[in-house]
Amino acid sequence: NGHLGRAVVSRLGNPTNSDSYRSEIIGVDISPQQQQLSGSNTFKVDKFVQLDPEIGNDLQNLTSRLSSIISTEHEREAKFNRKPLLDVIICTAGSFEPSDLTSPDKFSSTMKNMLCTNLFPVLSCVPLAMTHLNPTD
């Protein structure tokens, strides 16, 4: 839903005239899905799952939930004899939160929130890559 995420969806979900392949996109976010607007075109992901915002504070729960989402998609694709592996995982999570440097408690709390917001989504993608990423030659 952020600027980088919208740019990725726009580019991969709507190939230019020189591209012959449109990517199928699975979006996951703690924010509700927003329509991706670019000029007169509307871009959206093929599947979107909104997570509870509190899940971002629990790396184990976040990792488990993402794995479950992708496993469900793989099972669905296998029923249609389609290749169920991911070709790429793009994590566009991130934010910045200013902090009161004069208060150690506020500073620590802010830094913990930033770690959860910026690092946990990236770390949660590692098991997905290990189990669901399409191997290359």
N, C-alpha and C. Protein backbone atom coordinates (compact mmCIF):
# COMPACT_ATOMS: atom_id res chain seq x y z
N ASN A 1 0.80 -1.19 0.00
CA ASN A 1 0.00 0.00 0.00
C ASN A 1 0.85 1.27 0.00
N GLY A 2 2.13 1.14 0.32
CA GLY A 2 3.01 2.30 0.28
C GLY A 2 3.42 2.61 -1.15
N HIS A 3 4.22 3.65 -1.32
CA HIS A 3 4.65 4.07 -2.65
C HIS A 3 5.43 2.98 -3.37
N LEU A 4 6.37 2.34 -2.68
CA LEU A 4 7.16 1.30 -3.33
C LEU A 4 6.29 0.10 -3.71
N GLY A 5 5.41 -0.32 -2.81
CA GLY A 5 4.52 -1.43 -3.11
C GLY A 5 3.63 -1.15 -4.31
N ARG A 6 3.09 0.06 -4.38
CA ARG A 6 2.23 0.43 -5.52
C ARG A 6 3.03 0.44 -6.82
N ALA A 7 4.27 0.90 -6.76
CA ALA A 7 5.10 0.91 -7.97
C ALA A 7 5.39 -0.51 -8.45
N VAL A 8 5.66 -1.41 -7.53
CA VAL A 8 5.93 -2.82 -7.89
C VAL A 8 4.69 -3.44 -8.53
N VAL A 9 3.53 -3.25 -7.90
CA VAL A 9 2.28 -3.80 -8.44
C VAL A 9 1.99 -3.22 -9.81
N SER A 10 2.21 -1.93 -9.96
CA SER A 10 1.96 -1.27 -11.23
C SER A 10 2.83 -1.86 -12.34
N ARG A 11 4.09 -2.04 -12.05
CA ARG A 11 5.04 -2.52 -13.07
C ARG A 11 4.86 -4.00 -13.38
N LEU A 12 4.77 -4.83 -12.35
CA LEU A 12 4.68 -6.27 -12.58
C LEU A 12 3.28 -6.71 -12.98
N GLY A 13 2.26 -5.99 -12.52
CA GLY A 13 0.90 -6.37 -12.83
C GLY A 13 0.39 -5.83 -14.15
N ASN A 14 1.10 -4.89 -14.73
CA ASN A 14 0.71 -4.28 -16.00
C ASN A 14 1.94 -4.12 -16.88
N PRO A 15 2.29 -5.16 -17.61
CA PRO A 15 3.51 -5.07 -18.42
C PRO A 15 3.39 -4.02 -19.52
N THR A 16 4.53 -3.48 -19.90
CA THR A 16 4.55 -2.52 -21.00
C THR A 16 4.39 -3.28 -22.32
N ASN A 17 4.28 -2.57 -23.39
CA ASN A 17 4.10 -3.22 -24.70
C ASN A 17 5.24 -4.16 -25.04
N SER A 18 6.43 -3.91 -24.53
CA SER A 18 7.57 -4.76 -24.85
C SER A 18 7.60 -6.03 -24.00
N ASP A 19 6.80 -6.06 -22.93
CA ASP A 19 6.75 -7.25 -22.08
C ASP A 19 5.69 -8.21 -22.58
N SER A 20 5.95 -9.49 -22.44
CA SER A 20 4.96 -10.47 -22.87
C SER A 20 4.36 -11.21 -21.68
N TYR A 21 4.83 -10.94 -20.49
CA TYR A 21 4.40 -11.71 -19.32
C TYR A 21 3.83 -10.80 -18.25
N ARG A 22 2.62 -11.11 -17.82
CA ARG A 22 2.00 -10.39 -16.70
C ARG A 22 2.15 -11.26 -15.47
N SER A 23 2.71 -10.70 -14.42
CA SER A 23 2.93 -11.44 -13.19
C SER A 23 1.64 -11.55 -12.39
N GLU A 24 1.46 -12.71 -11.75
CA GLU A 24 0.37 -12.86 -10.79
C GLU A 24 0.92 -12.38 -9.45
N ILE A 25 0.18 -11.50 -8.79
CA ILE A 25 0.67 -10.87 -7.58
C ILE A 25 -0.22 -11.20 -6.40
N ILE A 26 0.43 -11.66 -5.32
CA ILE A 26 -0.25 -11.91 -4.05
C ILE A 26 0.23 -10.81 -3.10
N GLY A 27 -0.69 -10.00 -2.63
CA GLY A 27 -0.35 -8.91 -1.72
C GLY A 27 -0.75 -9.24 -0.29
N VAL A 28 0.10 -8.88 0.64
CA VAL A 28 -0.18 -9.08 2.06
C VAL A 28 0.21 -7.79 2.78
N ASP A 29 -0.69 -7.29 3.63
CA ASP A 29 -0.42 -6.03 4.32
C ASP A 29 -1.26 -5.97 5.58
N ILE A 30 -0.84 -5.12 6.51
CA ILE A 30 -1.67 -4.89 7.70
C ILE A 30 -2.69 -3.79 7.45
N SER A 31 -2.50 -3.05 6.36
CA SER A 31 -3.44 -2.00 5.98
C SER A 31 -4.42 -2.55 4.96
N PRO A 32 -5.64 -1.99 4.91
CA PRO A 32 -6.59 -2.45 3.89
C PRO A 32 -6.04 -2.19 2.50
N GLN A 33 -6.44 -3.03 1.56
CA GLN A 33 -5.98 -2.87 0.19
C GLN A 33 -6.50 -1.56 -0.39
N GLN A 34 -5.59 -0.87 -1.07
CA GLN A 34 -5.96 0.35 -1.77
C GLN A 34 -5.86 0.07 -3.25
N GLN A 35 -6.75 0.65 -4.03
CA GLN A 35 -6.64 0.50 -5.47
C GLN A 35 -5.39 1.22 -5.92
N GLN A 36 -4.69 0.62 -6.85
CA GLN A 36 -3.46 1.19 -7.36
C GLN A 36 -3.79 2.02 -8.60
N LEU A 37 -3.65 3.32 -8.49
CA LEU A 37 -4.03 4.20 -9.60
C LEU A 37 -2.80 4.72 -10.32
N SER A 38 -2.87 4.70 -11.63
CA SER A 38 -1.79 5.26 -12.44
C SER A 38 -2.44 5.84 -13.69
N GLY A 39 -2.56 7.13 -13.76
CA GLY A 39 -3.25 7.76 -14.88
C GLY A 39 -4.70 7.33 -14.88
N SER A 40 -5.16 6.80 -15.99
CA SER A 40 -6.55 6.36 -16.07
C SER A 40 -6.70 4.87 -15.77
N ASN A 41 -5.59 4.18 -15.50
CA ASN A 41 -5.64 2.75 -15.24
C ASN A 41 -5.68 2.46 -13.75
N THR A 42 -6.36 1.39 -13.38
CA THR A 42 -6.39 0.92 -12.00
C THR A 42 -5.70 -0.42 -11.95
N PHE A 43 -4.73 -0.56 -11.06
CA PHE A 43 -4.00 -1.80 -10.91
C PHE A 43 -4.32 -2.38 -9.55
N LYS A 44 -4.48 -3.68 -9.50
CA LYS A 44 -4.65 -4.31 -8.20
C LYS A 44 -4.00 -5.68 -8.23
N VAL A 45 -3.77 -6.20 -7.05
CA VAL A 45 -3.15 -7.51 -6.94
C VAL A 45 -4.18 -8.58 -7.27
N ASP A 46 -3.70 -9.79 -7.60
CA ASP A 46 -4.60 -10.89 -7.93
C ASP A 46 -5.25 -11.47 -6.68
N LYS A 47 -4.51 -11.46 -5.60
CA LYS A 47 -5.02 -11.93 -4.32
C LYS A 47 -4.45 -11.02 -3.24
N PHE A 48 -5.30 -10.62 -2.31
CA PHE A 48 -4.85 -9.75 -1.23
C PHE A 48 -5.32 -10.32 0.10
N VAL A 49 -4.40 -10.36 1.07
CA VAL A 49 -4.73 -10.81 2.42
C VAL A 49 -4.35 -9.70 3.38
N GLN A 50 -5.34 -9.23 4.13
CA GLN A 50 -5.06 -8.21 5.15
C GLN A 50 -4.80 -8.92 6.48
N LEU A 51 -3.67 -8.60 7.09
CA LEU A 51 -3.30 -9.18 8.38
C LEU A 51 -3.70 -8.25 9.51
N ASP A 52 -3.90 -8.82 10.67
CA ASP A 52 -4.15 -8.05 11.88
C ASP A 52 -2.88 -7.23 12.17
N PRO A 53 -3.00 -5.93 12.41
CA PRO A 53 -1.81 -5.11 12.67
C PRO A 53 -0.94 -5.63 13.82
N GLU A 54 -1.53 -6.29 14.80
CA GLU A 54 -0.76 -6.79 15.94
C GLU A 54 0.18 -7.93 15.56
N ILE A 55 -0.06 -8.59 14.42
CA ILE A 55 0.78 -9.72 14.02
C ILE A 55 2.21 -9.27 13.75
N GLY A 56 2.38 -8.01 13.37
CA GLY A 56 3.71 -7.49 13.07
C GLY A 56 4.64 -7.44 14.27
N ASN A 57 4.09 -7.52 15.47
CA ASN A 57 4.91 -7.50 16.68
C ASN A 57 5.40 -8.89 17.09
N ASP A 58 4.97 -9.92 16.38
CA ASP A 58 5.28 -11.30 16.74
C ASP A 58 5.87 -12.00 15.52
N LEU A 59 7.19 -12.09 15.45
CA LEU A 59 7.87 -12.65 14.29
C LEU A 59 7.42 -14.08 14.01
N GLN A 60 7.30 -14.89 15.02
CA GLN A 60 6.90 -16.29 14.82
C GLN A 60 5.49 -16.39 14.23
N ASN A 61 4.57 -15.62 14.77
CA ASN A 61 3.20 -15.62 14.27
C ASN A 61 3.12 -15.07 12.85
N LEU A 62 3.86 -14.01 12.57
CA LEU A 62 3.89 -13.44 11.23
C LEU A 62 4.43 -14.44 10.22
N THR A 63 5.53 -15.09 10.56
CA THR A 63 6.14 -16.09 9.67
C THR A 63 5.18 -17.24 9.41
N SER A 64 4.54 -17.72 10.46
CA SER A 64 3.59 -18.82 10.33
C SER A 64 2.40 -18.44 9.45
N ARG A 65 1.88 -17.23 9.64
CA ARG A 65 0.72 -16.79 8.87
C ARG A 65 1.08 -16.62 7.39
N LEU A 66 2.22 -16.05 7.10
CA LEU A 66 2.64 -15.90 5.70
C LEU A 66 2.83 -17.26 5.05
N SER A 67 3.44 -18.19 5.76
CA SER A 67 3.64 -19.54 5.23
C SER A 67 2.30 -20.20 4.93
N SER A 68 1.35 -20.02 5.82
CA SER A 68 0.02 -20.59 5.63
C SER A 68 -0.67 -20.00 4.39
N ILE A 69 -0.55 -18.70 4.20
CA ILE A 69 -1.15 -18.05 3.04
C ILE A 69 -0.57 -18.62 1.75
N ILE A 70 0.74 -18.71 1.68
CA ILE A 70 1.39 -19.18 0.45
C ILE A 70 1.11 -20.68 0.25
N SER A 71 1.12 -21.47 1.31
CA SER A 71 0.81 -22.90 1.17
C SER A 71 -0.60 -23.10 0.63
N THR A 72 -1.55 -22.31 1.10
CA THR A 72 -2.92 -22.39 0.60
C THR A 72 -2.97 -22.06 -0.88
N GLU A 73 -2.24 -21.04 -1.29
CA GLU A 73 -2.19 -20.67 -2.71
C GLU A 73 -1.57 -21.79 -3.53
N HIS A 74 -0.53 -22.42 -3.01
CA HIS A 74 0.12 -23.52 -3.74
C HIS A 74 -0.83 -24.68 -3.92
N GLU A 75 -1.58 -25.01 -2.87
CA GLU A 75 -2.55 -26.10 -2.97
C GLU A 75 -3.62 -25.78 -4.01
N ARG A 76 -4.09 -24.54 -4.03
CA ARG A 76 -5.09 -24.12 -5.00
C ARG A 76 -4.56 -24.22 -6.42
N GLU A 77 -3.35 -23.76 -6.64
CA GLU A 77 -2.74 -23.82 -7.98
C GLU A 77 -2.51 -25.26 -8.43
N ALA A 78 -2.12 -26.13 -7.50
CA ALA A 78 -1.86 -27.53 -7.85
C ALA A 78 -3.12 -28.22 -8.35
N LYS A 79 -4.27 -27.82 -7.84
CA LYS A 79 -5.55 -28.41 -8.30
C LYS A 79 -5.80 -28.13 -9.77
N PHE A 80 -5.26 -27.04 -10.26
CA PHE A 80 -5.43 -26.65 -11.66
C PHE A 80 -4.20 -27.02 -12.51
N ASN A 81 -3.33 -27.87 -11.93
CA ASN A 81 -2.12 -28.31 -12.61
C ASN A 81 -1.23 -27.16 -13.04
N ARG A 82 -1.22 -26.10 -12.24
CA ARG A 82 -0.35 -24.96 -12.53
C ARG A 82 0.87 -25.04 -11.62
N LYS A 83 1.94 -24.48 -12.10
CA LYS A 83 3.18 -24.45 -11.34
C LYS A 83 2.98 -23.59 -10.09
N PRO A 84 3.07 -24.17 -8.90
CA PRO A 84 2.73 -23.43 -7.69
C PRO A 84 3.87 -22.71 -6.98
N LEU A 85 5.03 -22.64 -7.57
CA LEU A 85 6.15 -22.01 -6.87
C LEU A 85 6.22 -20.51 -7.14
N LEU A 86 6.77 -19.79 -6.18
CA LEU A 86 6.97 -18.35 -6.33
C LEU A 86 8.24 -18.10 -7.14
N ASP A 87 8.18 -17.15 -8.05
CA ASP A 87 9.36 -16.77 -8.82
C ASP A 87 10.16 -15.69 -8.10
N VAL A 88 9.49 -14.88 -7.31
CA VAL A 88 10.17 -13.81 -6.60
C VAL A 88 9.35 -13.43 -5.37
N ILE A 89 10.03 -13.01 -4.34
CA ILE A 89 9.39 -12.45 -3.15
C ILE A 89 9.92 -11.04 -3.00
N ILE A 90 9.03 -10.07 -3.02
CA ILE A 90 9.42 -8.67 -2.89
C ILE A 90 8.77 -8.13 -1.63
N CYS A 91 9.58 -7.74 -0.69
CA CYS A 91 9.08 -7.19 0.57
C CYS A 91 9.30 -5.69 0.55
N THR A 92 8.19 -4.94 0.53
CA THR A 92 8.28 -3.48 0.45
C THR A 92 7.90 -2.81 1.76
N ALA A 93 7.90 -3.59 2.85
CA ALA A 93 7.54 -3.04 4.16
C ALA A 93 8.60 -2.03 4.62
N GLY A 94 8.15 -1.05 5.35
CA GLY A 94 9.10 -0.09 5.91
C GLY A 94 8.42 1.18 6.35
N SER A 95 9.01 1.79 7.34
CA SER A 95 8.51 3.08 7.81
C SER A 95 9.55 3.70 8.73
N PHE A 96 9.34 4.95 9.05
CA PHE A 96 10.21 5.64 9.99
C PHE A 96 9.33 6.30 11.02
N GLU A 97 9.76 6.22 12.27
CA GLU A 97 9.02 6.83 13.37
C GLU A 97 9.98 7.67 14.19
N PRO A 98 9.78 8.99 14.25
CA PRO A 98 10.68 9.83 15.06
C PRO A 98 10.55 9.47 16.54
N SER A 99 11.60 9.72 17.28
CA SER A 99 11.61 9.34 18.69
C SER A 99 12.09 10.48 19.57
N ASP A 100 11.63 10.43 20.80
CA ASP A 100 12.10 11.37 21.82
C ASP A 100 13.40 10.82 22.39
N LEU A 101 14.52 11.38 21.98
CA LEU A 101 15.82 10.88 22.40
C LEU A 101 16.13 11.17 23.87
N THR A 102 15.38 12.06 24.47
CA THR A 102 15.64 12.39 25.88
C THR A 102 14.99 11.40 26.84
N SER A 103 14.12 10.56 26.34
CA SER A 103 13.46 9.57 27.20
C SER A 103 13.88 8.16 26.78
N PRO A 104 14.69 7.47 27.59
CA PRO A 104 15.12 6.12 27.23
C PRO A 104 13.95 5.16 26.99
N ASP A 105 12.87 5.28 27.76
CA ASP A 105 11.73 4.39 27.58
C ASP A 105 11.03 4.63 26.24
N LYS A 106 10.81 5.90 25.91
CA LYS A 106 10.17 6.22 24.63
C LYS A 106 11.06 5.83 23.46
N PHE A 107 12.37 6.08 23.62
CA PHE A 107 13.31 5.71 22.57
C PHE A 107 13.30 4.21 22.34
N SER A 108 13.37 3.43 23.41
CA SER A 108 13.37 1.96 23.30
C SER A 108 12.09 1.46 22.66
N SER A 109 10.97 2.02 23.06
CA SER A 109 9.67 1.62 22.51
C SER A 109 9.60 1.93 21.01
N THR A 110 10.07 3.11 20.63
CA THR A 110 10.06 3.50 19.23
C THR A 110 10.97 2.60 18.40
N MET A 111 12.15 2.30 18.91
CA MET A 111 13.08 1.44 18.18
C MET A 111 12.51 0.02 18.03
N LYS A 112 11.84 -0.48 19.06
CA LYS A 112 11.20 -1.80 18.97
C LYS A 112 10.13 -1.79 17.89
N ASN A 113 9.31 -0.74 17.85
CA ASN A 113 8.27 -0.62 16.82
C ASN A 113 8.88 -0.59 15.42
N MET A 114 9.98 0.15 15.28
CA MET A 114 10.62 0.22 13.97
C MET A 114 11.23 -1.12 13.56
N LEU A 115 11.80 -1.85 14.51
CA LEU A 115 12.32 -3.19 14.19
C LEU A 115 11.19 -4.10 13.73
N CYS A 116 10.08 -4.06 14.44
CA CYS A 116 8.92 -4.89 14.06
C CYS A 116 8.42 -4.52 12.67
N THR A 117 8.35 -3.24 12.38
CA THR A 117 7.80 -2.76 11.11
C THR A 117 8.74 -2.99 9.94
N ASN A 118 10.04 -2.80 10.16
CA ASN A 118 11.00 -2.85 9.06
C ASN A 118 11.73 -4.18 8.92
N LEU A 119 12.07 -4.81 10.01
CA LEU A 119 12.88 -6.03 9.95
C LEU A 119 12.06 -7.31 9.97
N PHE A 120 11.02 -7.38 10.79
CA PHE A 120 10.26 -8.62 10.91
C PHE A 120 9.65 -9.08 9.57
N PRO A 121 9.08 -8.19 8.75
CA PRO A 121 8.56 -8.67 7.47
C PRO A 121 9.64 -9.29 6.58
N VAL A 122 10.82 -8.72 6.60
CA VAL A 122 11.92 -9.26 5.80
C VAL A 122 12.33 -10.63 6.33
N LEU A 123 12.49 -10.74 7.64
CA LEU A 123 12.87 -12.02 8.23
C LEU A 123 11.81 -13.09 8.00
N SER A 124 10.55 -12.70 8.01
CA SER A 124 9.48 -13.67 7.81
C SER A 124 9.46 -14.22 6.38
N CYS A 125 10.11 -13.54 5.45
CA CYS A 125 10.18 -14.02 4.07
C CYS A 125 11.23 -15.10 3.88
N VAL A 126 12.18 -15.22 4.79
CA VAL A 126 13.25 -16.21 4.64
C VAL A 126 12.70 -17.63 4.57
N PRO A 127 11.83 -18.07 5.51
CA PRO A 127 11.28 -19.42 5.37
C PRO A 127 10.45 -19.60 4.10
N LEU A 128 9.77 -18.55 3.66
CA LEU A 128 9.01 -18.64 2.41
C LEU A 128 9.95 -18.92 1.25
N ALA A 129 11.06 -18.22 1.22
CA ALA A 129 12.04 -18.42 0.15
C ALA A 129 12.61 -19.83 0.19
N MET A 130 12.86 -20.32 1.39
CA MET A 130 13.45 -21.67 1.53
C MET A 130 12.49 -22.76 1.07
N THR A 131 11.19 -22.56 1.27
CA THR A 131 10.24 -23.63 0.98
C THR A 131 9.39 -23.41 -0.27
N HIS A 132 9.21 -22.19 -0.73
CA HIS A 132 8.28 -21.92 -1.81
C HIS A 132 8.88 -21.24 -3.03
N LEU A 133 10.13 -20.81 -2.95
CA LEU A 133 10.73 -20.10 -4.08
C LEU A 133 11.14 -21.07 -5.17
N ASN A 134 10.83 -20.72 -6.39
CA ASN A 134 11.13 -21.55 -7.55
C ASN A 134 12.66 -21.65 -7.69
N PRO A 135 13.20 -22.87 -7.66
CA PRO A 135 14.66 -23.01 -7.83
C PRO A 135 15.07 -22.64 -9.26
N THR A 136 16.25 -22.03 -9.36
CA THR A 136 16.76 -21.67 -10.69
C THR A 136 17.97 -22.52 -11.00
N ASP A 137 18.29 -22.59 -12.27
CA ASP A 137 19.46 -23.38 -12.70
C ASP A 137 20.74 -22.70 -12.35
